[in-house]
Amino acid sequence: MASYSVVTTTAANVAGANNINSTRVRVVANNTCYYAIDAAATATANVGPLIPAWRPTDINMGGIGKKISILPCNGGSTVITVTEIGTVYQSALNQNSTTFYNT
């Protein structure tokens, strides 16, 4: 599964312009951070509880193909790593087709 890292002092989409292809992610940062899914993270409209410093935090993305924005609380230079840990999209599977055989 993919892992993304960024060093930032402001809100950043951790995977850049890419979407996360996983239903869950694990976030580790060296500072406490706010986060938002499919929106810019802000101190007044954060989505969930704060991501504590140095504590791996699992976040439910609410589906595949979303973005995660993370904002350091104190504005200091913050190293953020996001790792995909949930179900990963598999385009090779055709889940709308079933074949039955007589036995």
Protein backbone atom coordinates (compact mmCIF):
# COMPACT_ATOMS: atom_id res chain seq x y z
CA MET A 1 0.00 0.00 0.00
CA ALA A 2 1.11 3.53 -0.70
CA SER A 3 2.68 5.87 1.82
CA TYR A 4 2.97 9.65 1.47
CA SER A 5 5.15 12.10 3.41
CA VAL A 6 5.20 15.89 3.47
CA VAL A 7 6.91 18.60 5.53
CA THR A 8 4.66 21.64 5.99
CA THR A 9 3.80 24.61 8.20
CA THR A 10 0.39 25.17 6.58
CA ALA A 11 -2.55 22.98 5.53
CA ALA A 12 -1.49 20.50 2.85
CA ASN A 13 -3.05 17.69 0.87
CA VAL A 14 -0.67 14.97 1.98
CA ALA A 15 -0.89 13.00 -1.28
CA GLY A 16 -0.52 16.21 -3.32
CA ALA A 17 -2.99 16.34 -6.21
CA ASN A 18 -3.60 12.58 -5.92
CA ASN A 19 -6.56 10.93 -4.25
CA ILE A 20 -6.13 8.26 -1.58
CA ASN A 21 -7.04 4.83 -2.95
CA SER A 22 -7.84 3.32 0.43
CA THR A 23 -10.79 3.35 2.83
CA ARG A 24 -8.52 3.96 5.86
CA VAL A 25 -5.21 5.70 6.48
CA ARG A 26 -2.73 5.82 9.35
CA VAL A 27 -1.30 9.28 10.08
CA VAL A 28 1.86 10.01 12.08
CA ALA A 29 3.10 13.58 12.65
CA ASN A 30 5.74 15.15 14.89
CA ASN A 31 3.27 17.90 15.94
CA THR A 32 -0.41 17.89 16.87
CA CYS A 33 -2.55 18.45 13.74
CA TYR A 34 -6.07 19.12 12.52
CA TYR A 35 -7.36 17.17 9.54
CA ALA A 36 -10.18 17.27 6.99
CA ILE A 37 -11.33 14.87 4.29
CA ASP A 38 -12.07 16.36 0.84
CA ALA A 39 -11.70 19.89 2.24
CA ALA A 40 -8.92 22.17 3.46
CA ALA A 41 -8.10 21.53 7.12
CA THR A 42 -8.72 24.54 9.38
CA ALA A 43 -8.54 25.16 13.10
CA THR A 44 -12.25 26.04 13.24
CA ALA A 45 -13.69 23.31 10.99
CA ASN A 46 -11.58 20.24 11.64
CA VAL A 47 -13.34 16.95 10.88
CA GLY A 48 -12.42 14.82 13.85
CA PRO A 49 -10.33 14.73 16.96
CA LEU A 50 -6.84 16.16 16.76
CA ILE A 51 -4.03 13.95 15.54
CA PRO A 52 -1.68 13.83 18.55
CA ALA A 53 2.07 14.27 18.08
CA TRP A 54 4.00 11.04 17.51
CA ARG A 55 0.90 8.84 18.02
CA PRO A 56 -0.19 6.77 14.97
CA THR A 57 -3.83 7.65 14.31
CA ASP A 58 -6.13 5.61 12.06
CA ILE A 59 -8.68 7.66 10.10
CA ASN A 60 -11.70 6.33 8.20
CA MET A 61 -11.68 8.05 4.78
CA GLY A 62 -15.40 7.39 4.17
CA GLY A 63 -14.70 5.73 0.83
CA ILE A 64 -12.08 5.38 -1.87
CA GLY A 65 -10.76 8.27 -3.99
CA LYS A 66 -10.82 11.04 -1.38
CA LYS A 67 -8.15 13.53 -0.29
CA ILE A 68 -6.87 14.24 3.20
CA SER A 69 -5.68 17.70 4.24
CA ILE A 70 -3.64 18.13 7.42
CA LEU A 71 -2.84 21.37 9.28
CA PRO A 72 -0.20 21.62 12.04
CA CYS A 73 -1.73 23.22 15.15
CA ASN A 74 1.23 25.36 16.15
CA GLY A 75 2.28 26.46 12.65
CA GLY A 76 5.72 24.92 13.09
CA SER A 77 7.48 22.78 10.50
CA THR A 78 5.76 19.39 10.72
CA VAL A 79 6.65 16.05 9.16
CA ILE A 80 3.47 14.15 8.27
CA THR A 81 3.31 10.57 6.98
CA VAL A 82 0.08 9.01 5.71
CA THR A 83 -0.06 5.27 4.94
CA GLU A 84 -2.96 3.54 3.21
CA ILE A 85 -4.13 0.68 5.46
CA GLY A 86 -7.71 -0.05 4.34
CA THR A 87 -9.31 -1.74 1.39
CA VAL A 88 -7.51 -0.71 -1.78
CA TYR A 89 -9.40 -0.23 -5.04
CA GLN A 90 -8.93 -3.14 -7.46
CA SER A 91 -10.01 -2.17 -10.97
CA ALA A 92 -9.16 -5.60 -12.43
CA LEU A 93 -12.09 -7.28 -10.69
CA ASN A 94 -15.48 -7.32 -12.38
CA GLN A 95 -17.83 -7.55 -9.43
CA ASN A 96 -20.99 -7.16 -11.58
CA SER A 97 -20.65 -10.50 -13.34
CA THR A 98 -21.40 -14.01 -12.10
CA THR A 99 -21.14 -17.23 -14.11
CA PHE A 100 -22.96 -20.39 -13.04
CA TYR A 101 -21.98 -23.85 -14.32
CA ASN A 102 -24.11 -27.01 -14.32
CA THR A 103 -22.56 -29.84 -12.35
